[in-house]
Each structure stands twice: as C-alpha cells, then as structure tokens.
C-alpha atoms as a PDB file:
ATOM      1  CA  UNK A   1      -0.077  -0.008   0.069  1.00  0.00           C
ATOM      2  CA  UNK A   2       1.271   3.552  -0.646  1.00  0.00           C
ATOM      3  CA  UNK A   3       1.570   6.170   1.987  1.00  0.00           C
ATOM      4  CA  UNK A   4      -1.451   7.853   0.772  1.00  0.00           C
ATOM      5  CA  UNK A   5      -3.565   4.936   1.059  1.00  0.00           C
ATOM      6  CA  UNK A   6      -2.264   3.851   4.529  1.00  0.00           C
ATOM      7  CA  UNK A   7      -2.893   7.319   5.310  1.00  0.00           C
ATOM      8  CA  UNK A   8      -6.468   6.920   4.279  1.00  0.00           C
ATOM      9  CA  UNK A   9      -6.824   3.797   6.194  1.00  0.00           C
ATOM     10  CA  UNK A  10      -5.659   5.429   9.606  1.00  0.00           C
ATOM     11  CA  UNK A  11      -8.280   8.315   8.722  1.00  0.00           C
ATOM     12  CA  UNK A  12     -10.844   6.014   8.607  1.00  0.00           C
ATOM     13  CA  UNK A  13      -9.824   4.116  11.758  1.00  0.00           C
ATOM     14  CA  UNK A  14      -9.818   7.408  13.598  1.00  0.00           C
ATOM     15  CA  UNK A  15     -13.044   8.349  12.388  1.00  0.00           C
ATOM     16  CA  UNK A  16     -14.658   4.944  13.619  1.00  0.00           C
ATOM     17  CA  UNK A  17     -12.739   4.994  17.032  1.00  0.00           C
ATOM     18  CA  UNK A  18     -13.993   8.665  17.600  1.00  0.00           C
ATOM     19  CA  UNK A  19     -17.505   7.825  16.672  1.00  0.00           C
ATOM     20  CA  UNK A  20     -18.060   5.840  19.924  1.00  0.00           C
ATOM     21  CA  UNK A  21     -17.211   9.346  21.943  1.00  0.00           C
ATOM     22  CA  UNK A  22     -19.593  11.133  19.837  1.00  0.00           C
ATOM     23  CA  UNK A  23     -22.452   8.548  20.325  1.00  0.00           C
ATOM     24  CA  UNK A  24     -21.863   9.118  24.019  1.00  0.00           C
ATOM     25  CA  UNK A  25     -22.187  12.631  23.707  1.00  0.00           C
ATOM     26  CA  UNK A  26     -25.352  12.402  21.658  1.00  0.00           C
ATOM     27  CA  UNK A  27     -27.163  10.000  24.178  1.00  0.00           C
ATOM     28  CA  UNK A  28     -26.873  12.706  26.658  1.00  0.00           C
ATOM     29  CA  UNK A  29     -29.837  14.631  25.052  1.00  0.00           C
ATOM     30  CA  UNK A  30     -31.422  12.147  22.744  1.00  0.00           C
ATOM     31  CA  UNK A  31     -32.792   8.385  23.583  1.00  0.00           C
ATOM     32  CA  UNK A  32     -30.975   5.730  21.929  1.00  0.00           C
ATOM     33  CA  UNK A  33     -33.593   4.755  19.495  1.00  0.00           C
ATOM     34  CA  UNK A  34     -34.304   8.388  18.083  1.00  0.00           C
ATOM     35  CA  UNK A  35     -30.653   9.064  17.844  1.00  0.00           C
ATOM     36  CA  UNK A  36     -30.084   5.959  15.747  1.00  0.00           C
ATOM     37  CA  UNK A  37     -33.292   6.825  13.589  1.00  0.00           C
ATOM     38  CA  UNK A  38     -31.848  10.287  13.013  1.00  0.00           C
ATOM     39  CA  UNK A  39     -28.236   8.847  12.130  1.00  0.00           C
ATOM     40  CA  UNK A  40     -29.554   6.395   9.385  1.00  0.00           C
ATOM     41  CA  UNK A  41     -31.894   9.188   8.136  1.00  0.00           C
ATOM     42  CA  UNK A  42     -29.287  11.539   7.425  1.00  0.00           C
ATOM     43  CA  UNK A  43     -27.029   8.911   5.992  1.00  0.00           C
ATOM     44  CA  UNK A  44     -29.901   7.884   3.487  1.00  0.00           C
ATOM     45  CA  UNK A  45     -31.343  11.088   2.486  1.00  0.00           C
ATOM     46  CA  UNK A  46     -30.508  12.873   0.087  1.00  0.00           C
ATOM     47  CA  UNK A  47     -27.897  10.276  -0.870  1.00  0.00           C
ATOM     48  CA  UNK A  48     -30.674   7.873  -2.010  1.00  0.00           C
ATOM     49  CA  UNK A  49     -31.273  10.683  -5.019  1.00  0.00           C
ATOM     50  CA  UNK A  50     -27.684  10.334  -6.066  1.00  0.00           C
ATOM     51  CA  UNK A  51     -26.711   6.804  -5.526  1.00  0.00           C
ATOM     52  CA  UNK A  52     -28.568   4.186  -7.524  1.00  0.00           C
ATOM     53  CA  UNK A  53     -30.208   1.060  -5.663  1.00  0.00           C
ATOM     54  CA  UNK A  54     -27.995  -1.951  -5.342  1.00  0.00           C
ATOM     55  CA  UNK A  55     -28.647  -4.741  -7.714  1.00  0.00           C
ATOM     56  CA  UNK A  56     -30.124  -7.123  -5.156  1.00  0.00           C
ATOM     57  CA  UNK A  57     -33.748  -8.262  -4.093  1.00  0.00           C
ATOM     58  CA  UNK A  58     -35.450  -5.780  -2.264  1.00  0.00           C
ATOM     59  CA  UNK A  59     -36.279  -8.027   0.734  1.00  0.00           C
ATOM     60  CA  UNK A  60     -32.418  -8.860   1.187  1.00  0.00           C
ATOM     61  CA  UNK A  61     -31.685  -5.228   1.236  1.00  0.00           C
ATOM     62  CA  UNK A  62     -34.514  -4.432   3.763  1.00  0.00           C
ATOM     63  CA  UNK A  63     -33.239  -7.598   5.785  1.00  0.00           C
ATOM     64  CA  UNK A  64     -29.529  -6.102   5.605  1.00  0.00           C
ATOM     65  CA  UNK A  65     -30.702  -2.749   6.979  1.00  0.00           C
ATOM     66  CA  UNK A  66     -32.821  -4.521   9.644  1.00  0.00           C
ATOM     67  CA  UNK A  67     -29.798  -6.397  10.986  1.00  0.00           C
ATOM     68  CA  UNK A  68     -26.881  -3.986  10.081  1.00  0.00           C
ATOM     69  CA  UNK A  69     -28.235  -0.836  11.028  1.00  0.00           C
ATOM     70  CA  UNK A  70     -31.421  -1.037  13.066  1.00  0.00           C
ATOM     71  CA  UNK A  71     -30.805  -4.233  15.108  1.00  0.00           C
ATOM     72  CA  UNK A  72     -26.957  -3.632  15.515  1.00  0.00           C
ATOM     73  CA  UNK A  73     -27.234  -0.088  16.503  1.00  0.00           C
ATOM     74  CA  UNK A  74     -30.182   0.388  18.265  1.00  0.00           C
ATOM     75  CA  UNK A  75     -28.897  -2.327  20.623  1.00  0.00           C
ATOM     76  CA  UNK A  76     -25.484  -0.681  20.668  1.00  0.00           C
ATOM     77  CA  UNK A  77     -26.888   2.585  21.762  1.00  0.00           C
ATOM     78  CA  UNK A  78     -29.168   1.111  24.070  1.00  0.00           C
ATOM     79  CA  UNK A  79     -26.351  -0.741  25.681  1.00  0.00           C
ATOM     80  CA  UNK A  80     -24.133   2.503  26.070  1.00  0.00           C
ATOM     81  CA  UNK A  81     -27.170   4.282  27.494  1.00  0.00           C
ATOM     82  CA  UNK A  82     -27.612   2.002  30.325  1.00  0.00           C
ATOM     83  CA  UNK A  83     -23.943   2.378  31.275  1.00  0.00           C
ATOM     84  CA  UNK A  84     -21.631   0.398  29.058  1.00  0.00           C
ATOM     85  CA  UNK A  85     -18.639   2.651  28.248  1.00  0.00           C
ATOM     86  CA  UNK A  86     -17.559   3.920  24.874  1.00  0.00           C
ATOM     87  CA  UNK A  87     -14.142   2.505  24.938  1.00  0.00           C
ATOM     88  CA  UNK A  88     -15.264  -0.937  25.843  1.00  0.00           C
ATOM     89  CA  UNK A  89     -18.052  -0.888  23.403  1.00  0.00           C
ATOM     90  CA  UNK A  90     -15.832  -0.562  20.419  1.00  0.00           C
ATOM     91  CA  UNK A  91     -13.799  -3.507  21.536  1.00  0.00           C
ATOM     92  CA  UNK A  92     -16.698  -5.833  22.135  1.00  0.00           C
ATOM     93  CA  UNK A  93     -18.498  -5.045  19.335  1.00  0.00           C
ATOM     94  CA  UNK A  94     -15.824  -6.833  17.433  1.00  0.00           C
ATOM     95  CA  UNK A  95     -16.674 -10.000  18.676  1.00  0.00           C
ATOM     96  CA  UNK A  96     -19.064 -10.028  15.651  1.00  0.00           C
ATOM     97  CA  UNK A  97     -16.094 -11.644  13.942  1.00  0.00           C
ATOM     98  CA  UNK A  98     -16.205 -14.679  15.879  1.00  0.00           C
ATOM     99  CA  UNK A  99     -20.008 -15.051  15.872  1.00  0.00           C
ATOM    100  CA  UNK A 100     -19.885 -14.715  12.315  1.00  0.00           C
ATOM    101  CA  UNK A 101     -17.625 -17.539  11.882  1.00  0.00           C
ATOM    102  CA  UNK A 102     -19.901 -19.846  14.098  1.00  0.00           C
ATOM    103  CA  UNK A 103     -23.120 -18.661  11.910  1.00  0.00           C
ATOM    104  CA  UNK A 104     -21.191 -19.581   8.811  1.00  0.00           C
ATOM    105  CA  UNK A 105     -20.137 -23.125  10.087  1.00  0.00           C
ATOM    106  CA  UNK A 106     -23.671 -23.611  11.138  1.00  0.00           C
ATOM    107  CA  UNK A 107     -25.575 -22.587   8.119  1.00  0.00           C
ATOM    108  CA  UNK A 108     -23.188 -22.780   5.366  1.00  0.00           C
ATOM    109  CA  UNK A 109     -20.941 -25.724   6.559  1.00  0.00           C
ATOM    110  CA  UNK A 110     -17.726 -23.711   6.142  1.00  0.00           C
ATOM    111  CA  UNK A 111     -15.296 -25.211   8.754  1.00  0.00           C
ATOM    112  CA  UNK A 112     -13.189 -22.612  10.671  1.00  0.00           C
ATOM    113  CA  UNK A 113      -9.576 -23.024  10.508  1.00  0.00           C
ATOM    114  CA  UNK A 114      -7.433 -23.919  13.626  1.00  0.00           C
ATOM    115  CA  UNK A 115      -5.957 -20.452  13.911  1.00  0.00           C
ATOM    116  CA  UNK A 116      -9.626 -18.843  13.891  1.00  0.00           C
ATOM    117  CA  UNK A 117     -10.646 -21.210  16.645  1.00  0.00           C
ATOM    118  CA  UNK A 118      -7.599 -20.467  18.630  1.00  0.00           C
ATOM    119  CA  UNK A 119      -8.595 -16.826  18.134  1.00  0.00           C
ATOM    120  CA  UNK A 120     -12.051 -17.377  19.214  1.00  0.00           C
ATOM    121  CA  UNK A 121     -10.879 -18.990  22.474  1.00  0.00           C
ATOM    122  CA  UNK A 122      -8.304 -15.985  23.185  1.00  0.00           C
ATOM    123  CA  UNK A 123     -11.093 -13.481  22.533  1.00  0.00           C
ATOM    124  CA  UNK A 124     -13.374 -15.203  24.828  1.00  0.00           C
ATOM    125  CA  UNK A 125     -10.724 -15.124  27.578  1.00  0.00           C
ATOM    126  CA  UNK A 126     -10.339 -11.414  27.075  1.00  0.00           C
ATOM    127  CA  UNK A 127     -14.415 -10.859  27.094  1.00  0.00           C
ATOM    128  CA  UNK A 128     -14.601 -12.997  30.388  1.00  0.00           C
ATOM    129  CA  UNK A 129     -11.847 -10.886  32.002  1.00  0.00           C
ATOM    130  CA  UNK A 130     -13.590  -7.732  31.022  1.00  0.00           C
ATOM    131  CA  UNK A 131     -17.194  -9.033  32.260  1.00  0.00           C
ATOM    132  CA  UNK A 132     -15.833 -10.283  35.763  1.00  0.00           C
ATOM    133  CA  UNK A 133     -14.401  -6.793  36.393  1.00  0.00           C
ATOM    134  CA  UNK A 134     -17.568  -4.502  35.283  1.00  0.00           C
ATOM    135  CA  UNK A 135     -18.844  -2.637  38.089  1.00  0.00           C
ATOM    136  CA  UNK A 136     -22.548  -2.658  38.515  1.00  0.00           C
ATOM    137  CA  UNK A 137     -25.624  -4.301  37.082  1.00  0.00           C
ATOM    138  CA  UNK A 138     -26.235  -1.766  34.631  1.00  0.00           C
ATOM    139  CA  UNK A 139     -22.619  -2.307  32.984  1.00  0.00           C
ATOM    140  CA  UNK A 140     -23.361  -6.224  32.695  1.00  0.00           C
ATOM    141  CA  UNK A 141     -26.799  -5.171  31.086  1.00  0.00           C
ATOM    142  CA  UNK A 142     -24.958  -3.009  28.588  1.00  0.00           C
ATOM    143  CA  UNK A 143     -22.373  -5.653  27.935  1.00  0.00           C
ATOM    144  CA  UNK A 144     -25.198  -8.144  27.246  1.00  0.00           C
ATOM    145  CA  UNK A 145     -26.701  -5.555  24.722  1.00  0.00           C
ATOM    146  CA  UNK A 146     -23.722  -4.801  23.075  1.00  0.00           C
ATOM    147  CA  UNK A 147     -23.000  -8.710  22.584  1.00  0.00           C
ATOM    148  CA  UNK A 148     -26.609  -8.932  21.010  1.00  0.00           C
ATOM    149  CA  UNK A 149     -25.804  -5.949  18.754  1.00  0.00           C
ATOM    150  CA  UNK A 150     -22.323  -8.119  17.588  1.00  0.00           C
ATOM    151  CA  UNK A 151     -25.037 -10.688  16.867  1.00  0.00           C
ATOM    152  CA  UNK A 152     -26.911  -8.744  14.652  1.00  0.00           C
ATOM    153  CA  UNK A 153     -23.950  -7.581  12.802  1.00  0.00           C
ATOM    154  CA  UNK A 154     -23.081 -11.163  12.195  1.00  0.00           C
ATOM    155  CA  UNK A 155     -26.320 -11.786  10.783  1.00  0.00           C
ATOM    156  CA  UNK A 156     -25.794  -8.759   8.509  1.00  0.00           C
ATOM    157  CA  UNK A 157     -22.608 -10.392   7.365  1.00  0.00           C
ATOM    158  CA  UNK A 158     -24.233 -13.565   6.257  1.00  0.00           C
ATOM    159  CA  UNK A 159     -26.952 -11.523   4.462  1.00  0.00           C
ATOM    160  CA  UNK A 160     -23.996  -9.902   2.448  1.00  0.00           C
ATOM    161  CA  UNK A 161     -22.805 -13.331   1.504  1.00  0.00           C
ATOM    162  CA  UNK A 162     -26.313 -14.064   0.307  1.00  0.00           C
ATOM    163  CA  UNK A 163     -26.563 -10.632  -1.545  1.00  0.00           C
ATOM    164  CA  UNK A 164     -23.390 -11.274  -3.332  1.00  0.00           C
ATOM    165  CA  UNK A 165     -21.029  -8.649  -5.339  1.00  0.00           C
ATOM    166  CA  UNK A 166     -22.991  -5.132  -5.299  1.00  0.00           C
ATOM    167  CA  UNK A 167     -21.535  -1.740  -4.800  1.00  0.00           C
ATOM    168  CA  UNK A 168     -21.046  -1.388  -0.941  1.00  0.00           C
ATOM    169  CA  UNK A 169     -21.815   2.222  -0.848  1.00  0.00           C
ATOM    170  CA  UNK A 170     -25.026   1.557  -2.374  1.00  0.00           C
ATOM    171  CA  UNK A 171     -25.858  -1.092  -0.158  1.00  0.00           C
ATOM    172  CA  UNK A 172     -25.076   1.041   2.956  1.00  0.00           C
ATOM    173  CA  UNK A 173     -27.189   3.978   1.746  1.00  0.00           C
ATOM    174  CA  UNK A 174     -30.263   1.816   0.716  1.00  0.00           C
ATOM    175  CA  UNK A 175     -29.938  -0.445   3.696  1.00  0.00           C
ATOM    176  CA  UNK A 176     -29.840   2.824   6.041  1.00  0.00           C
ATOM    177  CA  UNK A 177     -33.212   3.847   4.462  1.00  0.00           C
ATOM    178  CA  UNK A 178     -34.625   0.504   4.801  1.00  0.00           C
ATOM    179  CA  UNK A 179     -33.915   0.658   8.735  1.00  0.00           C
ATOM    180  CA  UNK A 180     -35.535   4.002   8.960  1.00  0.00           C
ATOM    181  CA  UNK A 181     -39.232   2.865   9.048  1.00  0.00           C
ATOM    182  CA  UNK A 182     -38.142   0.338  11.811  1.00  0.00           C
ATOM    183  CA  UNK A 183     -36.217   2.591  13.951  1.00  0.00           C
ATOM    184  CA  UNK A 184     -39.074   5.197  13.782  1.00  0.00           C
ATOM    185  CA  UNK A 185     -41.623   2.628  15.024  1.00  0.00           C
ATOM    186  CA  UNK A 186     -39.479   1.475  17.587  1.00  0.00           C
ATOM    187  CA  UNK A 187     -38.625   4.853  18.988  1.00  0.00           C
ATOM    188  CA  UNK A 188     -42.367   5.754  18.756  1.00  0.00           C
ATOM    189  CA  UNK A 189     -43.515   2.555  20.654  1.00  0.00           C
ATOM    190  CA  UNK A 190     -40.521   2.194  23.473  1.00  0.00           C
ATOM    191  CA  UNK A 191     -39.662   5.763  23.834  1.00  0.00           C
ATOM    192  CA  UNK A 192     -42.868   7.550  23.068  1.00  0.00           C
ATOM    193  CA  UNK A 193     -43.842  10.734  21.112  1.00  0.00           C
ATOM    194  CA  UNK A 194     -43.705  12.870  24.066  1.00  0.00           C
ATOM    195  CA  UNK A 195     -40.026  11.966  24.950  1.00  0.00           C
ATOM    196  CA  UNK A 196     -39.039  12.144  21.162  1.00  0.00           C
ATOM    197  CA  UNK A 197     -40.584  15.653  20.966  1.00  0.00           C
ATOM    198  CA  UNK A 198     -38.608  16.758  24.037  1.00  0.00           C
ATOM    199  CA  UNK A 199     -35.418  15.395  22.811  1.00  0.00           C
ATOM    200  CA  UNK A 200     -35.833  16.982  19.480  1.00  0.00           C
ATOM    201  CA  UNK A 201     -36.542  20.465  21.382  1.00  0.00           C
ATOM    202  CA  UNK A 202     -33.589  20.006  23.621  1.00  0.00           C
ATOM    203  CA  UNK A 203     -30.961  19.142  21.014  1.00  0.00           C
ATOM    204  CA  UNK A 204     -28.841  22.048  20.400  1.00  0.00           C
ATOM    205  CA  UNK A 205     -26.298  22.848  17.393  1.00  0.00           C
ATOM    206  CA  UNK A 206     -23.773  20.377  19.074  1.00  0.00           C
ATOM    207  CA  UNK A 207     -26.258  17.666  19.143  1.00  0.00           C
ATOM    208  CA  UNK A 208     -27.149  17.911  15.705  1.00  0.00           C
ATOM    209  CA  UNK A 209     -23.414  18.138  14.448  1.00  0.00           C
ATOM    210  CA  UNK A 210     -22.713  14.750  16.253  1.00  0.00           C
ATOM    211  CA  UNK A 211     -25.817  13.325  14.274  1.00  0.00           C
ATOM    212  CA  UNK A 212     -24.092  14.828  10.981  1.00  0.00           C
ATOM    213  CA  UNK A 213     -20.827  13.497  11.937  1.00  0.00           C
ATOM    214  CA  UNK A 214     -22.249   9.721  12.565  1.00  0.00           C
ATOM    215  CA  UNK A 215     -24.559  10.160   9.179  1.00  0.00           C
ATOM    216  CA  UNK A 216     -21.623  11.623   7.040  1.00  0.00           C
ATOM    217  CA  UNK A 217     -17.838  11.055   8.071  1.00  0.00           C
ATOM    218  CA  UNK A 218     -18.691   7.907   9.902  1.00  0.00           C
ATOM    219  CA  UNK A 219     -21.148   6.165   7.816  1.00  0.00           C
ATOM    220  CA  UNK A 220     -20.710   7.377   4.335  1.00  0.00           C
ATOM    221  CA  UNK A 221     -17.184   8.687   4.200  1.00  0.00           C
ATOM    222  CA  UNK A 222     -15.402   5.946   6.284  1.00  0.00           C
ATOM    223  CA  UNK A 223     -17.161   3.197   4.364  1.00  0.00           C
ATOM    224  CA  UNK A 224     -16.232   4.818   1.098  1.00  0.00           C
ATOM    225  CA  UNK A 225     -12.514   4.904   1.947  1.00  0.00           C
ATOM    226  CA  UNK A 226     -12.994   1.055   3.274  1.00  0.00           C
ATOM    227  CA  UNK A 227     -14.794  -0.141  -0.269  1.00  0.00           C
ATOM    228  CA  UNK A 228     -11.990   2.101  -1.996  1.00  0.00           C
ATOM    229  CA  UNK A 229      -9.211   0.270  -0.269  1.00  0.00           C
ATOM    230  CA  UNK A 230     -10.826  -3.003  -0.697  1.00  0.00           C
ATOM    231  CA  UNK A 231     -11.036  -2.216  -4.683  1.00  0.00           C
ATOM    232  CA  UNK A 232      -7.277  -1.262  -4.602  1.00  0.00           C
ATOM    233  CA  UNK A 233      -5.690  -3.873  -2.575  1.00  0.00           C
ATOM    234  CA  UNK A 234      -6.312  -7.542  -1.229  1.00  0.00           C
ATOM    235  CA  UNK A 235      -8.861  -7.932   1.558  1.00  0.00           C
ATOM    236  CA  UNK A 236      -5.841  -9.358   3.726  1.00  0.00           C
ATOM    237  CA  UNK A 237      -3.936  -6.154   3.259  1.00  0.00           C
ATOM    238  CA  UNK A 238      -6.941  -4.037   4.295  1.00  0.00           C
ATOM    239  CA  UNK A 239      -8.997  -5.900   7.080  1.00  0.00           C
ATOM    240  CA  UNK A 240      -6.069  -5.876   9.651  1.00  0.00           C
ATOM    241  CA  UNK A 241      -6.702  -2.091   9.770  1.00  0.00           C
ATOM    242  CA  UNK A 242     -10.001  -3.145  11.471  1.00  0.00           C
ATOM    243  CA  UNK A 243      -7.904  -4.109  14.540  1.00  0.00           C
ATOM    244  CA  UNK A 244      -6.917  -0.830  15.410  1.00  0.00           C
ATOM    245  CA  UNK A 245     -10.671   0.598  15.792  1.00  0.00           C
ATOM    246  CA  UNK A 246     -11.052  -0.583  19.323  1.00  0.00           C
ATOM    247  CA  UNK A 247      -7.458   0.859  20.225  1.00  0.00           C
ATOM    248  CA  UNK A 248      -8.531   4.261  18.616  1.00  0.00           C
ATOM    249  CA  UNK A 249     -12.098   3.787  20.350  1.00  0.00           C
ATOM    250  CA  UNK A 250     -10.437   3.267  23.887  1.00  0.00           C
ATOM    251  CA  UNK A 251      -8.009   6.199  23.439  1.00  0.00           C
ATOM    252  CA  UNK A 252     -10.637   8.478  22.289  1.00  0.00           C
ATOM    253  CA  UNK A 253     -12.639   7.445  25.366  1.00  0.00           C
ATOM    254  CA  UNK A 254      -9.955   8.008  27.765  1.00  0.00           C
ATOM    255  CA  UNK A 255      -8.766  11.393  26.065  1.00  0.00           C
ATOM    256  CA  UNK A 256     -12.187  12.901  25.734  1.00  0.00           C
ATOM    257  CA  UNK A 257     -14.395  11.407  28.144  1.00  0.00           C
ATOM    258  CA  UNK A 258     -11.976  10.832  31.039  1.00  0.00           C
ATOM    259  CA  UNK A 259     -12.862   6.963  30.991  1.00  0.00           C
ATOM    260  CA  UNK A 260      -9.770   5.174  32.965  1.00  0.00           C
ATOM    261  CA  UNK A 261      -7.845   2.545  31.751  1.00  0.00           C
ATOM    262  CA  UNK A 262      -7.701   0.037  34.480  1.00  0.00           C
ATOM    263  CA  UNK A 263      -5.558  -3.162  33.979  1.00  0.00           C
ATOM    264  CA  UNK A 264      -8.254  -5.169  33.115  1.00  0.00           C
ATOM    265  CA  UNK A 265      -9.452  -3.119  30.205  1.00  0.00           C
ATOM    266  CA  UNK A 266      -5.883  -3.083  28.794  1.00  0.00           C
ATOM    267  CA  UNK A 267      -5.425  -6.725  29.477  1.00  0.00           C
ATOM    268  CA  UNK A 268      -8.822  -7.869  28.123  1.00  0.00           C
ATOM    269  CA  UNK A 269      -8.464  -5.565  25.131  1.00  0.00           C
ATOM    270  CA  UNK A 270      -5.058  -7.004  24.318  1.00  0.00           C
ATOM    271  CA  UNK A 271      -6.715 -10.490  24.289  1.00  0.00           C
ATOM    272  CA  UNK A 272      -9.351  -9.529  22.151  1.00  0.00           C
ATOM    273  CA  UNK A 273      -7.019  -7.884  19.638  1.00  0.00           C
ATOM    274  CA  UNK A 274      -5.045 -10.984  19.678  1.00  0.00           C
ATOM    275  CA  UNK A 275      -7.941 -13.295  18.958  1.00  0.00           C
ATOM    276  CA  UNK A 276      -8.922 -10.962  16.269  1.00  0.00           C
ATOM    277  CA  UNK A 277      -5.158 -10.967  14.725  1.00  0.00           C
ATOM    278  CA  UNK A 278      -5.320 -14.739  14.952  1.00  0.00           C
ATOM    279  CA  UNK A 279      -8.672 -14.663  12.962  1.00  0.00           C
ATOM    280  CA  UNK A 280      -7.248 -12.291  10.441  1.00  0.00           C
ATOM    281  CA  UNK A 281      -4.179 -14.638  10.185  1.00  0.00           C
ATOM    282  CA  UNK A 282      -6.459 -17.727  10.033  1.00  0.00           C
ATOM    283  CA  UNK A 283      -8.244 -16.670   7.320  1.00  0.00           C
ATOM    284  CA  UNK A 284      -5.230 -16.224   5.075  1.00  0.00           C
ATOM    285  CA  UNK A 285      -5.304 -18.924   2.280  1.00  0.00           C
ATOM    286  CA  UNK A 286      -8.843 -19.625   2.897  1.00  0.00           C
ATOM    287  CA  UNK A 287     -12.347 -18.234   1.482  1.00  0.00           C
ATOM    288  CA  UNK A 288     -12.689 -15.307   3.686  1.00  0.00           C
ATOM    289  CA  UNK A 289     -16.299 -14.727   5.027  1.00  0.00           C
ATOM    290  CA  UNK A 290     -17.476 -11.344   3.355  1.00  0.00           C
ATOM    291  CA  UNK A 291     -17.908  -8.873   6.544  1.00  0.00           C
ATOM    292  CA  UNK A 292     -19.027  -5.089   6.795  1.00  0.00           C
ATOM    293  CA  UNK A 293     -16.841  -2.657   8.052  1.00  0.00           C
ATOM    294  CA  UNK A 294     -16.174  -2.029  11.778  1.00  0.00           C
ATOM    295  CA  UNK A 295     -19.045  -0.887  13.671  1.00  0.00           C
ATOM    296  CA  UNK A 296     -19.010   2.772  14.920  1.00  0.00           C
END
C-alpha cells in the first residue's frame, strides 16, 4: 500500500474509533432509538437521490438494513445508554467476527481454520476478564446488549454473503433507508412521541453536528474509504486495519471522556485484539467470509 492509502486507512480508523465518543455525547440529550433513527435518516437522505439502488432483491436489502443498522446500532446505543462505556463498546462489538464464523459454520458448513478457533478462545478469555471486572449491574446489562448488537451485525454479514457482489456504498445508503421505518416505529412505541418531541426540542447545534458526523464521516466517508481500499488492495492487506478501531475507540474515550484505562481493560483488550489478529491470519489462504466494516 502507498503512503497515501495507509493515511486514508488510518483516517478511517480514527473516524470509527472517535465516533464512539460522539455517540456517548449524543446520548446525553437524545434517547438511543431516536438518535439511531436520526443517524440513518441523514445517512440515506439525500444520498438515495444520487446513488442508485444496489442490484439485489429488495427483501435482502431490507433484511440487511434491519440487522446491520436497526438491530446492531439500536442495541449498541441502548447498551451504551444503560452504562456500558464507549471504549469497551468499541472493543466488545468486534466479537461479531467470531459469531460470524460460528454462524457460517452452522448455516453454510464452512469449517473454521485452527487459528480462527484459537483466536475465538483467546478473545473469549479477554471478554470474560472484562465481564468479571465490570462494576454494577447496569454495565453487565450493557455488555449483554452490545453482545446482542454484535450478533445482529453477524447476521448482516451472512446477508452480505447471500446478496453477493454489489456496490457496497449503495448497499449502505439504501440499507440505511430501509432501517428508518423500523427505527421510527421502535422509537415511537418504546420511547414515546412525548419523549421524542422533548429530545428534539432540547437538542442543540452540537447535538445535530454529532448526528451529522455519525451520518456523514462515519457512515458514508469512512465506509467509502473502506470500499475504495478493498478495490485497490487484497482484503488481507486492508482488513487488519480493523484491529486498530478498538484501540482508537478506547484511546478516544480516555482522552475526551476521561474513561480510566484500568489494568483489566488493557489486558482484556489485548486478549480480544490478539484473538482478532489470529482470526485475520487464520483466513489467509482460505475463502474469507465477507464482512461489513467495523461498527461505529
């Protein structure tokens, strides 16, 4: 990779990592389901008027939007709202890699390689270390919700495999649009029109700037960089950059939110990242499972 391509990849990682901080800021004045709806509304409109729909059955595009955006991010946002920290969220969401491997093995009968299984065990040890050191039940509930978000992302990865080769940016834009009705109904039912209206009244310019950051740089720009790099280079050269997203997320949370970096966070993070690294190397020489970019 050239220096400019590496710089683009690092910019992508920084955006995705920092976005967990932006999410935390946004949750201070907006309920999580409404915030998720606003993000993907702005990510899809007006982009749908410029980007053509992906060449895929609409039912699959709708299902992708339901799991990749509605399911994943609503669970992630609610998990962070109930007390799971931004830094740990950026780390735990990457467990989707191993859930995807398991789902593929069960549904498509693709056997994981030994290094992938070893990576799953190492990452599970890191996750267990995080879980036993979390203070308070709210954080444990948040951990469960973020793990469910990772599971929803994994289902979306299987749908990508089912959809086949399409323009990834088109899939993101139209999948974002497909998720909006689901998110709007969920917010109306679970958060209520009154709470939604109050939040929209309280949200100031910085809150809307945060939503715009999630919709533009995070969803469209960073994903566009990801797709562009995958077209220019082998997947094995690009996907390892995803390992840096939790590093950027935890560092951003420590710098901008003052989240402490206790020994168990560092040790658990190191184990999860080591497991992810083993997974990446375990895919070399094998048919890789198509995945979406790191969640943020």
